[in-house]
Amino acid sequence: MSTFSMFRRPAAIALSLTASIAIVSCNSNSTPTPTATVTKVTVTPEVASLVIGANVQAKATVTGTNSPSQTVTWASSNPNIATVSSTGLITAVAPGNAVVSANATVAGFTNQSDSVKVTVTAPTSTTPTVTKVAVTLNPTTVAVGGTSKATATVTGTNNPAQTVTWTSSNMAVATVDAAGNVQALTAGSTDIIAVSTVDGAQTGKATLTVTAVVINPTLTTAKINFQTAAAPTPAGYTPNTGTAYTAASMTGWVTETSAGTAAPVPLDLTGNARYRTVDGTNVVAGLDARLYTQIQMQCGTPTTGNTCNAPATNTSGAFEYKVVNGKYNVTVSVGDADKRNLNSLHTINVENVNAIKDFTPTLATQFKTATVTVTVADGKLTIDAKGGKNTKINYVDIVPAP
């Protein structure tokens, strides 16, 4: 063995020993990897309200030490109500409630969890529904041949259409068209029925009563001119010359005090009829032909006029005229065509309704006309001058009132 070899081997042994010591020293100083822990799992959102078919993404956040894994296991308490995917996507299945939870997957901490409360409802319908159909009639009672108007009001959800179809339960009594116009045909009653076009099971009705037509007698129309027998009668008028009342005709003159009673006392006033002829001074031309004639209803005491000479009568009179009972418009005229005869307080009452009150004529205004509406119930229209003085009547028009 050479001297070089002897010195080289101890050096190699020393190097090897030094390396071994260094390796052993290095291994004894290494640090182990920290273990992760979970202190809380938080799920958002906390609650979710969904309609069937809708979904929401839930998110789970895992907190703890040493950066725990964010992986969780998702589960639904009732998959028939709501399901959840492995990534936390919640889907609504049916109406009801479910709890969707997220559990941590870190070993030893899988009991750490949180959840979201899920409420599932059916989608709100936008389809109109009808809950009621109400029908009104205006009027509800009509006579045969009359008409009524039917109106329907449809209520429900989502603004149902107001359209209906119309029918009558008794077409013999009344018919109804598509617009709700009702025509009465015969006496009786019928239901006017509306059927919703949205829901044919929803109907409404109103009862129409149809009455028989009451045929009223034709009311009287008359135009009477008060005049002498010799005076010309105005066109369209019937002359009355002051003849006394008769029970048979129920027409004529009676005493003022008995006027309107069940037993009127006849009075002949033919001597009180006047016809004023034109003289150009006291009686002028150009007047209405009806104004040249008159019957003096009051003469002498207690009037302010002069006592009437024979064959006139000084008993105050009233006029009765036979009419069909009913409502009438009556027009009367008073005055004297002779300008010298202005000493009157003309008063006219028709069926106790005052038409003219204390009219005092003047040279400028010799006549007065008035119309009143009266109702006759005893078959006779009564015209008197009670309360007046020296009243002179020219004519009367009797026409049915509307």
Protein backbone atom coordinates (compact mmCIF):
# COMPACT_ATOMS: atom_id res chain seq x y z
CA MET A 1 0.00 0.00 0.00
CA SER A 2 1.37 3.35 -0.99
CA THR A 3 1.75 6.25 1.31
CA PHE A 4 -0.85 8.13 -0.85
CA SER A 5 -3.45 5.38 -0.37
CA MET A 6 -3.03 5.39 3.33
CA PHE A 7 -3.78 9.06 3.55
CA ARG A 8 -6.66 8.98 1.00
CA ARG A 9 -8.88 6.40 2.70
CA PRO A 10 -9.18 8.13 6.07
CA ALA A 11 -10.18 11.28 4.25
CA ALA A 12 -12.96 9.46 2.38
CA ILE A 13 -14.23 7.92 5.58
CA ALA A 14 -14.27 11.31 7.24
CA LEU A 15 -16.25 12.85 4.31
CA SER A 16 -18.79 10.07 4.37
CA LEU A 17 -19.31 10.44 8.08
CA THR A 18 -19.73 14.18 7.78
CA ALA A 19 -22.41 13.74 5.09
CA SER A 20 -24.28 11.21 7.18
CA ILE A 21 -24.31 13.50 10.15
CA ALA A 22 -25.56 16.32 7.95
CA ILE A 23 -28.43 14.17 6.59
CA VAL A 24 -29.46 13.04 10.02
CA SER A 25 -29.39 16.61 11.25
CA CYS A 26 -31.60 17.81 8.33
CA ASN A 27 -34.31 15.15 8.81
CA SER A 28 -34.71 15.81 12.48
CA ASN A 29 -35.69 19.54 11.83
CA SER A 30 -38.70 18.99 9.22
CA THR A 31 -42.32 20.48 10.12
CA PRO A 32 -45.54 18.36 9.54
CA THR A 33 -48.48 19.75 7.31
CA PRO A 34 -51.21 21.49 9.53
CA THR A 35 -54.61 19.76 9.76
CA ALA A 36 -57.65 21.77 8.45
CA THR A 37 -60.65 22.30 10.77
CA VAL A 38 -64.22 23.50 10.08
CA THR A 39 -65.93 25.95 12.42
CA LYS A 40 -68.93 27.00 10.32
CA VAL A 41 -70.84 26.43 7.10
CA THR A 42 -72.90 29.36 5.79
CA VAL A 43 -75.48 28.94 3.02
CA THR A 44 -76.96 31.78 1.01
CA PRO A 45 -79.70 32.63 0.42
CA GLU A 46 -81.26 31.80 3.81
CA VAL A 47 -84.74 31.47 2.32
CA ALA A 48 -86.01 31.02 -1.22
CA SER A 49 -89.54 31.37 -2.62
CA LEU A 50 -89.97 29.72 -5.98
CA VAL A 51 -92.78 28.86 -8.36
CA ILE A 52 -92.90 25.40 -9.85
CA GLY A 53 -90.18 25.00 -12.49
CA ALA A 54 -88.06 27.89 -11.24
CA ASN A 55 -84.57 27.47 -9.73
CA VAL A 56 -82.06 29.33 -7.62
CA GLN A 57 -78.33 28.82 -7.10
CA ALA A 58 -77.40 28.26 -3.47
CA LYS A 59 -73.85 28.94 -2.29
CA ALA A 60 -72.08 27.38 0.70
CA THR A 61 -69.08 29.03 2.38
CA VAL A 62 -66.94 26.85 4.68
CA THR A 63 -64.93 28.68 7.35
CA GLY A 64 -62.37 27.29 9.78
CA THR A 65 -58.61 26.94 10.27
CA ASN A 66 -55.89 25.99 7.85
CA SER A 67 -58.04 26.74 4.76
CA PRO A 68 -60.63 23.98 4.94
CA SER A 69 -61.98 22.55 1.71
CA GLN A 70 -65.01 24.45 0.28
CA THR A 71 -66.51 21.21 -0.96
CA VAL A 72 -69.93 20.41 0.54
CA THR A 73 -72.56 17.76 0.12
CA TRP A 74 -75.99 19.10 -0.86
CA ALA A 75 -79.27 17.42 0.17
CA SER A 76 -83.02 18.20 0.11
CA SER A 77 -85.36 17.24 2.93
CA ASN A 78 -88.12 16.65 0.38
CA PRO A 79 -87.03 16.10 -3.23
CA ASN A 80 -90.72 15.89 -4.20
CA ILE A 81 -90.97 19.58 -3.36
CA ALA A 82 -87.51 20.83 -4.30
CA THR A 83 -84.39 19.12 -5.62
CA VAL A 84 -80.78 20.24 -5.33
CA SER A 85 -77.82 19.39 -7.55
CA SER A 86 -74.28 18.59 -6.44
CA THR A 87 -73.39 22.21 -7.17
CA GLY A 88 -76.26 23.67 -5.08
CA LEU A 89 -78.74 24.45 -7.87
CA ILE A 90 -82.21 24.24 -6.31
CA THR A 91 -85.19 23.46 -8.57
CA ALA A 92 -88.86 23.84 -7.54
CA VAL A 93 -90.91 20.71 -8.25
CA ALA A 94 -94.28 20.96 -6.49
CA PRO A 95 -96.08 23.28 -4.04
CA GLY A 96 -94.86 22.90 -0.47
CA ASN A 97 -91.86 23.45 1.80
CA ALA A 98 -88.43 21.83 1.87
CA VAL A 99 -85.07 22.41 3.54
CA VAL A 100 -81.95 22.24 1.39
CA SER A 101 -78.76 21.71 3.43
CA ALA A 102 -75.02 21.81 2.76
CA ASN A 103 -72.69 19.56 4.84
CA ALA A 104 -68.94 20.07 5.04
CA THR A 105 -66.85 17.19 3.58
CA VAL A 106 -63.74 17.77 5.70
CA ALA A 107 -62.96 14.59 7.64
CA GLY A 108 -64.10 14.83 11.22
CA PHE A 109 -66.28 17.90 10.53
CA THR A 110 -69.04 16.54 8.28
CA ASN A 111 -71.59 17.48 10.93
CA GLN A 112 -70.98 21.15 10.19
CA SER A 113 -73.84 22.33 7.97
CA ASP A 114 -76.27 25.11 7.09
CA SER A 115 -79.50 25.20 5.11
CA VAL A 116 -81.91 27.27 3.04
CA LYS A 117 -85.67 27.14 3.59
CA VAL A 118 -87.45 26.70 0.28
CA THR A 119 -91.12 27.49 -0.33
CA VAL A 120 -92.63 26.38 -3.62
CA THR A 121 -95.91 27.72 -4.97
CA ALA A 122 -97.90 27.08 -8.09
CA PRO A 123 -97.48 29.73 -10.77
CA THR A 124 -100.12 32.48 -10.71
CA SER A 125 -102.62 31.97 -13.51
CA THR A 126 -103.31 34.82 -15.91
CA THR A 127 -106.34 33.06 -17.34
CA PRO A 128 -109.57 35.00 -16.62
CA THR A 129 -112.10 33.24 -14.42
CA VAL A 130 -115.72 34.16 -13.70
CA THR A 131 -117.20 34.01 -10.21
CA LYS A 132 -120.49 35.82 -10.76
CA VAL A 133 -122.85 37.18 -13.43
CA ALA A 134 -125.34 39.82 -12.25
CA VAL A 135 -128.29 40.91 -14.41
CA THR A 136 -130.39 44.06 -14.12
CA LEU A 137 -133.52 45.03 -16.04
CA ASN A 138 -134.74 48.56 -16.63
CA PRO A 139 -137.65 48.56 -16.15
CA THR A 140 -138.55 45.27 -14.47
CA THR A 141 -142.25 45.60 -15.31
CA VAL A 142 -143.60 46.53 -18.74
CA ALA A 143 -146.91 46.31 -20.54
CA VAL A 144 -147.45 44.09 -23.55
CA GLY A 145 -145.70 45.71 -26.50
CA GLY A 146 -143.27 47.54 -24.24
CA THR A 147 -139.52 47.15 -24.00
CA SER A 148 -136.88 46.74 -21.32
CA LYS A 149 -133.08 46.81 -21.33
CA ALA A 150 -131.06 43.97 -19.81
CA THR A 151 -127.52 44.64 -18.55
CA ALA A 152 -125.01 42.07 -17.31
CA THR A 153 -122.02 42.62 -15.02
CA VAL A 154 -119.39 39.85 -15.01
CA THR A 155 -116.99 39.59 -12.05
CA GLY A 156 -114.04 37.28 -11.46
CA THR A 157 -110.25 37.19 -11.67
CA ASN A 158 -107.87 38.52 -14.30
CA ASN A 159 -110.46 40.92 -15.76
CA PRO A 160 -112.88 38.50 -17.42
CA ALA A 161 -114.70 39.67 -20.55
CA GLN A 162 -118.08 41.31 -19.97
CA THR A 163 -119.62 39.59 -22.98
CA VAL A 164 -122.61 37.32 -22.43
CA THR A 165 -125.24 35.52 -24.44
CA TRP A 166 -128.88 36.31 -23.69
CA THR A 167 -131.89 34.03 -23.46
CA SER A 168 -135.45 34.27 -22.17
CA SER A 169 -136.89 31.45 -20.08
CA ASN A 170 -140.30 32.05 -21.64
CA MET A 171 -140.07 33.24 -25.22
CA ALA A 172 -143.85 33.52 -25.42
CA VAL A 173 -143.82 36.25 -22.77
CA ALA A 174 -140.75 38.20 -23.91
CA THR A 175 -137.78 37.86 -26.23
CA VAL A 176 -134.28 39.26 -25.84
CA ASP A 177 -131.73 39.99 -28.55
CA ALA A 178 -127.94 39.75 -28.48
CA ALA A 179 -127.65 43.31 -27.20
CA GLY A 180 -130.00 42.74 -24.24
CA ASN A 181 -133.00 44.50 -25.75
CA VAL A 182 -136.15 42.88 -24.36
CA GLN A 183 -139.49 42.91 -26.17
CA ALA A 184 -142.67 42.16 -24.19
CA LEU A 185 -145.14 39.93 -26.08
CA THR A 186 -147.82 38.62 -23.72
CA ALA A 187 -148.80 39.06 -20.09
CA GLY A 188 -146.81 36.90 -17.67
CA SER A 189 -143.29 36.65 -16.31
CA THR A 190 -139.99 35.38 -17.65
CA ASP A 191 -136.38 35.21 -16.55
CA ILE A 192 -133.93 37.10 -18.72
CA ILE A 193 -130.73 35.03 -18.47
CA ALA A 194 -127.13 36.01 -19.21
CA VAL A 195 -124.48 33.32 -19.81
CA SER A 196 -120.80 34.28 -19.57
CA THR A 197 -118.83 33.71 -22.76
CA VAL A 198 -115.76 33.06 -20.60
CA ASP A 199 -117.37 30.34 -18.48
CA GLY A 200 -120.66 28.92 -19.68
CA ALA A 201 -121.37 27.52 -16.23
CA GLN A 202 -121.62 31.03 -14.82
CA THR A 203 -125.03 32.62 -15.39
CA GLY A 204 -127.21 35.36 -13.97
CA LYS A 205 -130.85 36.26 -14.35
CA ALA A 206 -133.50 38.86 -13.60
CA THR A 207 -137.27 38.45 -13.73
CA LEU A 208 -139.37 40.54 -16.09
CA THR A 209 -143.08 41.00 -15.43
CA VAL A 210 -145.27 41.75 -18.44
CA THR A 211 -148.69 43.23 -17.76
CA ALA A 212 -151.72 43.37 -20.02
CA VAL A 213 -152.31 46.65 -21.81
CA VAL A 214 -154.92 48.79 -20.12
CA ILE A 215 -156.95 50.41 -22.84
CA ASN A 216 -157.92 53.89 -21.74
CA PRO A 217 -160.92 55.54 -23.39
CA THR A 218 -160.10 58.28 -25.83
CA LEU A 219 -160.14 61.60 -24.02
CA THR A 220 -162.30 64.45 -25.17
CA THR A 221 -161.14 67.18 -27.49
CA ALA A 222 -163.38 70.21 -27.91
CA LYS A 223 -163.28 73.84 -29.06
CA ILE A 224 -166.28 75.89 -27.95
CA ASN A 225 -167.06 79.47 -28.95
CA PHE A 226 -169.46 81.41 -26.71
CA GLN A 227 -171.72 83.52 -28.96
CA THR A 228 -175.18 84.47 -30.05
CA ALA A 229 -177.05 82.19 -32.38
CA ALA A 230 -176.74 84.77 -35.15
CA ALA A 231 -173.00 85.31 -34.83
CA PRO A 232 -170.67 83.57 -37.27
CA THR A 233 -168.89 80.61 -35.70
CA PRO A 234 -165.05 80.60 -36.01
CA ALA A 235 -163.62 77.74 -38.05
CA GLY A 236 -163.06 74.57 -36.06
CA TYR A 237 -165.32 75.62 -33.18
CA THR A 238 -168.69 74.51 -31.86
CA PRO A 239 -171.02 77.37 -30.88
CA ASN A 240 -172.52 77.63 -27.42
CA THR A 241 -175.28 80.20 -27.11
CA GLY A 242 -175.93 79.97 -23.37
CA THR A 243 -178.46 77.13 -23.29
CA ALA A 244 -179.24 75.63 -19.91
CA TYR A 245 -177.68 72.39 -18.66
CA THR A 246 -179.51 69.08 -19.17
CA ALA A 247 -178.78 65.88 -17.31
CA ALA A 248 -179.02 63.90 -20.53
CA SER A 249 -176.31 65.89 -22.30
CA MET A 250 -174.34 66.73 -19.14
CA THR A 251 -173.53 70.00 -20.90
CA GLY A 252 -174.78 73.53 -20.51
CA TRP A 253 -175.05 76.46 -18.10
CA VAL A 254 -175.83 76.12 -14.39
CA THR A 255 -176.01 78.50 -11.48
CA GLU A 256 -172.59 79.46 -10.15
CA THR A 257 -173.44 78.21 -6.68
CA SER A 258 -174.32 74.72 -7.93
CA ALA A 259 -171.38 74.34 -10.29
CA GLY A 260 -169.38 71.17 -9.82
CA THR A 261 -171.95 69.51 -7.60
CA ALA A 262 -173.76 66.23 -8.16
CA ALA A 263 -177.04 68.14 -8.76
CA PRO A 264 -176.25 71.24 -10.81
CA VAL A 265 -179.11 73.75 -11.23
CA PRO A 266 -179.75 74.58 -14.92
CA LEU A 267 -179.53 78.26 -15.89
CA ASP A 268 -180.46 79.82 -19.24
CA LEU A 269 -177.86 82.40 -20.24
CA THR A 270 -178.86 82.85 -23.86
CA GLY A 271 -179.83 86.42 -23.00
CA ASN A 272 -176.25 87.04 -21.81
CA ALA A 273 -174.65 86.11 -25.14
CA ARG A 274 -173.10 88.97 -27.09
CA TYR A 275 -171.77 89.59 -30.59
CA ARG A 276 -169.83 92.80 -31.05
CA THR A 277 -170.07 94.18 -34.58
CA VAL A 278 -167.30 96.38 -35.93
CA ASP A 279 -168.11 100.11 -35.93
CA GLY A 280 -164.56 101.39 -36.38
CA THR A 281 -164.63 103.33 -33.13
CA ASN A 282 -165.68 101.27 -30.15
CA VAL A 283 -165.27 97.90 -31.85
CA VAL A 284 -162.34 97.83 -34.23
CA ALA A 285 -161.65 95.46 -37.05
CA GLY A 286 -158.78 93.02 -37.20
CA LEU A 287 -159.33 91.10 -34.01
CA ASP A 288 -159.32 87.32 -33.71
CA ALA A 289 -162.83 86.20 -34.77
CA ARG A 290 -163.31 84.46 -31.42
CA LEU A 291 -162.94 87.73 -29.53
CA TYR A 292 -165.99 89.45 -31.04
CA THR A 293 -168.30 87.09 -29.16
CA GLN A 294 -168.88 86.38 -25.47
CA ILE A 295 -171.24 85.17 -22.77
CA GLN A 296 -171.46 87.35 -19.69
CA MET A 297 -171.11 84.95 -16.78
CA GLN A 298 -171.77 87.61 -14.11
CA CYS A 299 -174.14 90.56 -14.46
CA GLY A 300 -175.29 93.25 -11.99
CA THR A 301 -175.01 92.85 -8.24
CA PRO A 302 -172.54 92.01 -6.79
CA THR A 303 -170.46 93.03 -9.82
CA THR A 304 -169.24 96.51 -10.58
CA GLY A 305 -171.02 96.38 -13.89
CA ASN A 306 -174.51 97.62 -14.65
CA THR A 307 -177.44 95.37 -14.06
CA CYS A 308 -178.21 93.47 -17.24
CA ASN A 309 -181.49 94.21 -18.91
CA ALA A 310 -183.95 91.57 -19.98
CA PRO A 311 -183.81 89.11 -21.58
CA ALA A 312 -180.43 88.80 -19.80
CA THR A 313 -180.25 87.18 -16.38
CA ASN A 314 -178.48 88.69 -13.42
CA THR A 315 -177.84 85.29 -11.82
CA SER A 316 -174.17 84.36 -12.06
CA GLY A 317 -173.60 81.25 -14.15
CA ALA A 318 -171.04 78.51 -14.72
CA PHE A 319 -170.43 76.18 -17.62
CA GLU A 320 -170.45 72.37 -17.49
CA TYR A 321 -169.19 70.24 -20.37
CA LYS A 322 -169.30 66.45 -20.68
CA VAL A 323 -165.85 64.85 -21.10
CA VAL A 324 -164.21 61.48 -20.59
CA ASN A 325 -162.52 61.42 -17.20
CA GLY A 326 -158.85 62.21 -17.50
CA LYS A 327 -156.23 64.91 -17.59
CA TYR A 328 -156.73 67.97 -19.80
CA ASN A 329 -155.10 71.20 -20.85
CA VAL A 330 -157.79 73.87 -20.89
CA THR A 331 -157.34 77.27 -22.52
CA VAL A 332 -159.83 80.08 -21.83
CA SER A 333 -160.15 83.67 -23.00
CA VAL A 334 -161.98 86.59 -21.34
CA GLY A 335 -162.70 90.16 -22.40
CA ASP A 336 -165.03 92.42 -24.36
CA ALA A 337 -164.36 93.76 -27.87
CA ASP A 338 -166.26 96.97 -27.03
CA LYS A 339 -163.75 99.48 -25.67
CA ARG A 340 -166.45 101.09 -23.55
CA ASN A 341 -166.79 97.97 -21.42
CA LEU A 342 -163.73 97.92 -19.22
CA ASN A 343 -165.49 97.64 -15.86
CA SER A 344 -164.68 93.99 -15.11
CA LEU A 345 -162.52 91.91 -12.80
CA HIS A 346 -162.42 88.84 -15.02
CA THR A 347 -161.82 85.60 -13.10
CA ILE A 348 -161.93 82.05 -14.43
CA ASN A 349 -161.59 78.77 -12.50
CA VAL A 350 -161.42 75.39 -14.25
CA GLU A 351 -162.16 72.39 -12.05
CA ASN A 352 -161.39 74.66 -9.07
CA VAL A 353 -158.00 75.51 -10.56
CA ASN A 354 -157.59 79.25 -11.05
CA ALA A 355 -156.71 80.23 -14.60
CA ILE A 356 -157.34 83.98 -14.60
CA LYS A 357 -157.52 86.12 -11.46
CA ASP A 358 -159.05 89.63 -11.31
CA PHE A 359 -158.02 90.65 -14.82
CA THR A 360 -158.87 94.33 -15.33
CA PRO A 361 -158.99 95.22 -19.04
CA THR A 362 -157.58 98.44 -20.50
CA LEU A 363 -157.82 100.10 -23.89
CA ALA A 364 -154.41 98.64 -24.68
CA THR A 365 -155.21 95.17 -23.32
CA GLN A 366 -158.85 94.17 -23.63
CA PHE A 367 -158.39 90.40 -23.44
CA LYS A 368 -156.53 87.79 -21.46
CA THR A 369 -155.90 84.13 -22.27
CA ALA A 370 -154.59 81.40 -19.97
CA THR A 371 -154.07 77.63 -19.99
CA VAL A 372 -154.29 75.30 -17.00
CA THR A 373 -153.94 71.55 -16.61
CA VAL A 374 -156.77 69.87 -14.72
CA THR A 375 -158.06 66.39 -13.99
CA VAL A 376 -161.73 65.51 -14.44
CA ALA A 377 -163.12 62.67 -12.35
CA ASP A 378 -166.91 63.22 -12.47
CA GLY A 379 -167.42 63.21 -16.25
CA LYS A 380 -167.93 67.00 -16.47
CA LEU A 381 -165.51 69.85 -16.97
CA THR A 382 -166.60 72.81 -14.84
CA ILE A 383 -165.74 76.44 -15.63
CA ASP A 384 -166.85 79.15 -13.19
CA ALA A 385 -166.10 82.80 -12.42
CA LYS A 386 -166.23 82.62 -8.63
CA GLY A 387 -164.42 85.55 -7.09
CA GLY A 388 -164.72 87.69 -10.22
CA LYS A 389 -166.96 90.58 -11.23
CA ASN A 390 -168.63 91.05 -14.60
CA THR A 391 -166.62 88.17 -16.10
CA LYS A 392 -167.14 87.62 -19.83
CA ILE A 393 -165.86 84.43 -21.51
CA ASN A 394 -165.02 84.31 -25.24
CA TYR A 395 -164.03 80.68 -25.92
CA VAL A 396 -162.55 77.52 -24.40
CA ASP A 397 -160.21 74.91 -25.90
CA ILE A 398 -160.16 71.45 -24.26
CA VAL A 399 -157.40 69.03 -25.25
CA PRO A 400 -156.00 65.89 -23.55
CA ALA A 401 -152.87 66.59 -21.54
CA PRO A 402 -149.74 64.52 -22.21
